[in-house]
Amino acid sequence: MRKLLAVVWLCLLFGIVGCLFWYNEYQYTLPTPVPVDYKNVPVGGFINLTNGLTASDNKPLLLHFFNPKCPCSRFNIQHFKQLVKTYQNRVNFVVVLLDDQNDIKEVRDKFDLNVPIVISPGLAKACGVYSTPQAAVIDTRSRLYYRGNYNTNRYCTNKETEYARIALDGVLQKSNPIHFNALALTAYGCSLPNCER
């Protein structure tokens, strides 16, 4: 009887661990469901920037769509900050929050961000973004150069698939928009605006 009870207990324990793994890991490896009312914004399309944002100083703009509640956004933040450090003199960076429940100062302090932060759900729609984290690179003529993932790796450690960096290099070299593969362009992460799957 004790052996049977131990086996049942171990099966229950493994089941709970498996459920936690699925909840915390597996669900974020699946593509984010495309919203029913989604309207694609094509590369090269004009982006009507809001909140006083412009592609000014002849610098392109990287919009970092971020949700502090999203585990994927939190995993990605160090990579984003590294891009800011690398390109800060050549590219303007803005963190875009999508939920007015967020306090900008609190987000700035918690994640040690030293770039402008705006709350603008409309900007996500204008860029065709429906999950976080996502990058949108806007060229100096306010046209969408790239919209997609930062990397195929959750922690952005795969140097060969640093899509946002590749897009920044391309826009700085004034190249035609680069054709990225589906891994760059298929959204993974948390659905907007409330970090739901």
Protein backbone atom coordinates (compact mmCIF):
# COMPACT_ATOMS: atom_id res chain seq x y z
CA MET A 1 0.00 0.00 0.00
CA ARG A 2 2.87 2.36 0.85
CA LYS A 3 4.50 1.75 -2.54
CA LEU A 4 1.25 2.50 -4.35
CA LEU A 5 0.79 5.70 -2.32
CA ALA A 6 4.40 6.75 -3.07
CA VAL A 7 3.89 6.10 -6.81
CA VAL A 8 0.64 8.09 -6.84
CA TRP A 9 2.33 10.92 -4.91
CA LEU A 10 5.30 10.99 -7.33
CA CYS A 11 2.96 10.97 -10.37
CA LEU A 12 1.01 13.86 -8.89
CA LEU A 13 4.22 15.76 -8.16
CA PHE A 14 5.55 15.20 -11.70
CA GLY A 15 2.17 16.27 -13.10
CA ILE A 16 2.30 19.53 -11.14
CA VAL A 17 5.89 20.19 -12.23
CA GLY A 18 4.91 19.46 -15.85
CA CYS A 19 1.97 21.87 -15.66
CA LEU A 20 4.19 24.59 -14.19
CA PHE A 21 6.76 24.00 -16.93
CA TRP A 22 4.09 24.26 -19.60
CA TYR A 23 2.65 27.42 -18.10
CA ASN A 24 6.02 29.14 -17.67
CA GLU A 25 7.93 27.89 -20.68
CA TYR A 26 6.10 26.01 -23.37
CA GLN A 27 3.29 28.48 -23.94
CA TYR A 28 5.83 31.17 -24.86
CA THR A 29 7.50 28.97 -27.48
CA LEU A 30 4.30 28.96 -29.50
CA PRO A 31 3.53 31.81 -31.91
CA THR A 32 1.28 34.48 -30.50
CA PRO A 33 -2.21 34.08 -31.96
CA VAL A 34 -2.93 36.69 -34.63
CA PRO A 35 -5.90 38.84 -33.57
CA VAL A 36 -9.07 38.45 -35.64
CA ASP A 37 -9.12 42.17 -36.50
CA TYR A 38 -5.36 42.36 -37.29
CA LYS A 39 -4.36 44.61 -40.18
CA ASN A 40 -0.90 44.02 -41.56
CA VAL A 41 1.30 47.08 -41.98
CA PRO A 42 3.66 46.44 -44.90
CA VAL A 43 7.36 47.18 -44.76
CA GLY A 44 7.85 50.55 -46.43
CA GLY A 45 4.49 51.80 -45.16
CA PHE A 46 4.32 55.28 -43.65
CA ILE A 47 4.04 55.26 -39.85
CA ASN A 48 2.14 58.17 -38.36
CA LEU A 49 4.15 58.64 -35.18
CA THR A 50 2.30 59.86 -32.10
CA ASN A 51 3.24 61.21 -28.67
CA GLY A 52 5.61 63.75 -30.21
CA LEU A 53 7.83 61.02 -31.64
CA THR A 54 9.71 61.67 -34.84
CA ALA A 55 12.51 60.10 -36.78
CA SER A 56 14.50 63.25 -36.07
CA ASP A 57 18.13 64.31 -36.32
CA ASN A 58 18.42 62.18 -39.46
CA LYS A 59 18.41 59.15 -37.16
CA PRO A 60 16.17 56.14 -37.54
CA LEU A 61 13.96 55.17 -34.64
CA LEU A 62 13.65 51.82 -32.86
CA LEU A 63 10.37 51.39 -31.03
CA HIS A 64 10.65 48.72 -28.34
CA PHE A 65 7.17 47.38 -27.60
CA PHE A 66 7.39 46.29 -23.98
CA ASN A 67 5.08 44.88 -21.34
CA PRO A 68 6.60 44.65 -17.83
CA LYS A 69 4.19 41.80 -17.00
CA CYS A 70 5.36 39.71 -19.96
CA PRO A 71 8.08 37.14 -19.11
CA CYS A 72 9.40 37.34 -22.68
CA SER A 73 9.78 41.12 -22.39
CA ARG A 74 11.69 40.74 -19.13
CA PHE A 75 14.03 38.14 -20.68
CA ASN A 76 14.65 40.49 -23.61
CA ILE A 77 15.37 43.72 -21.69
CA GLN A 78 19.14 43.21 -21.33
CA HIS A 79 19.50 42.68 -25.06
CA PHE A 80 17.49 45.84 -25.75
CA LYS A 81 19.71 47.82 -23.37
CA GLN A 82 22.79 46.46 -25.16
CA LEU A 83 21.40 47.70 -28.49
CA VAL A 84 20.83 51.13 -26.94
CA LYS A 85 24.42 51.19 -25.71
CA THR A 86 25.80 50.11 -29.09
CA TYR A 87 23.70 52.38 -31.33
CA GLN A 88 22.76 55.32 -29.07
CA ASN A 89 24.64 57.92 -31.14
CA ARG A 90 23.14 56.76 -34.45
CA VAL A 91 19.60 55.62 -33.58
CA ASN A 92 16.81 57.06 -31.43
CA PHE A 93 15.23 54.54 -29.05
CA VAL A 94 11.81 54.65 -27.41
CA VAL A 95 10.15 52.11 -25.12
CA VAL A 96 6.44 51.81 -25.90
CA LEU A 97 4.16 50.62 -23.11
CA LEU A 98 0.72 49.54 -24.16
CA ASP A 99 -1.24 49.60 -20.93
CA ASP A 100 -2.02 52.86 -19.14
CA GLN A 101 -1.98 50.89 -15.87
CA ASN A 102 1.82 51.17 -16.04
CA ASP A 103 3.63 53.98 -14.27
CA ILE A 104 6.42 55.29 -16.51
CA LYS A 105 8.71 56.26 -13.62
CA GLU A 106 8.24 52.89 -11.96
CA VAL A 107 9.07 51.03 -15.21
CA ARG A 108 12.09 53.30 -15.82
CA ASP A 109 13.44 52.66 -12.30
CA LYS A 110 12.67 48.95 -12.16
CA PHE A 111 14.34 48.15 -15.49
CA ASP A 112 17.00 50.90 -15.35
CA LEU A 113 15.95 52.42 -18.67
CA ASN A 114 17.50 55.68 -19.81
CA VAL A 115 15.53 56.21 -23.03
CA PRO A 116 12.17 57.91 -23.56
CA ILE A 117 9.16 55.83 -22.49
CA VAL A 118 5.64 56.44 -23.82
CA ILE A 119 2.27 54.78 -23.31
CA SER A 120 0.71 54.34 -26.73
CA PRO A 121 -1.47 51.36 -27.66
CA GLY A 122 -2.29 53.15 -30.93
CA LEU A 123 1.36 53.07 -31.96
CA ALA A 124 1.38 49.27 -31.77
CA LYS A 125 -1.60 49.12 -34.11
CA ALA A 126 0.00 51.68 -36.45
CA CYS A 127 3.12 49.48 -36.70
CA GLY A 128 1.23 46.17 -36.95
CA VAL A 129 2.49 44.94 -33.57
CA TYR A 130 0.25 42.58 -31.59
CA SER A 131 2.63 41.02 -29.05
CA THR A 132 5.56 41.88 -26.82
CA PRO A 133 8.47 42.06 -27.04
CA GLN A 134 8.66 43.34 -30.59
CA ALA A 135 10.88 45.84 -32.36
CA ALA A 136 9.79 48.29 -35.03
CA VAL A 137 12.55 50.11 -36.88
CA ILE A 138 11.36 53.31 -38.54
CA ASP A 139 13.60 54.97 -41.12
CA THR A 140 14.30 58.71 -41.32
CA ARG A 141 11.30 59.19 -43.65
CA SER A 142 8.93 57.66 -41.05
CA ARG A 143 8.56 54.43 -43.03
CA LEU A 144 8.51 50.98 -41.48
CA TYR A 145 11.84 49.30 -42.16
CA TYR A 146 11.41 46.27 -39.89
CA ARG A 147 8.83 44.89 -37.49
CA GLY A 148 9.49 41.65 -35.70
CA ASN A 149 11.42 39.70 -33.13
CA TYR A 150 14.74 40.57 -31.59
CA ASN A 151 16.11 37.04 -31.88
CA THR A 152 15.06 33.39 -32.18
CA ASN A 153 16.51 32.75 -28.73
CA ARG A 154 14.47 33.80 -25.71
CA TYR A 155 17.52 35.40 -24.07
CA CYS A 156 18.69 36.93 -27.38
CA THR A 157 22.04 35.15 -27.23
CA ASN A 158 22.08 33.70 -30.76
CA LYS A 159 24.40 36.07 -32.66
CA GLU A 160 23.29 34.75 -36.07
CA THR A 161 19.63 35.63 -35.48
CA GLU A 162 19.89 39.09 -33.92
CA TYR A 163 17.16 40.37 -36.22
CA ALA A 164 16.75 43.81 -34.63
CA ARG A 165 20.50 44.43 -34.84
CA ILE A 166 20.58 43.26 -38.45
CA ALA A 167 17.69 45.63 -39.23
CA LEU A 168 19.46 48.53 -37.50
CA ASP A 169 22.63 47.88 -39.50
CA GLY A 170 20.58 47.78 -42.70
CA VAL A 171 18.68 51.00 -42.05
CA LEU A 172 21.88 52.81 -41.05
CA GLN A 173 23.52 51.70 -44.31
CA LYS A 174 20.40 52.98 -46.11
CA SER A 175 19.89 49.54 -47.64
CA ASN A 176 16.59 48.46 -49.08
CA PRO A 177 14.54 46.64 -46.44
CA ILE A 178 15.97 43.23 -45.73
CA HIS A 179 13.85 40.16 -46.38
CA PHE A 180 13.72 38.24 -43.11
CA ASN A 181 12.56 34.67 -42.58
CA ALA A 182 9.40 33.61 -40.78
CA LEU A 183 11.24 33.22 -37.45
CA ALA A 184 11.96 36.95 -37.47
CA LEU A 185 8.48 37.99 -38.52
CA THR A 186 6.20 35.57 -36.64
CA ALA A 187 5.31 37.11 -33.28
CA TYR A 188 6.19 35.18 -30.14
CA GLY A 189 5.44 36.38 -26.64
CA CYS A 190 2.49 38.00 -24.93
CA SER A 191 -0.64 39.18 -26.70
CA LEU A 192 -1.45 42.85 -26.39
CA PRO A 193 -2.43 44.70 -24.37
CA ASN A 194 -2.70 42.63 -21.19
CA CYS A 195 -0.03 39.92 -21.47
CA GLU A 196 -2.47 37.15 -22.27
CA ARG A 197 -1.86 34.06 -24.39
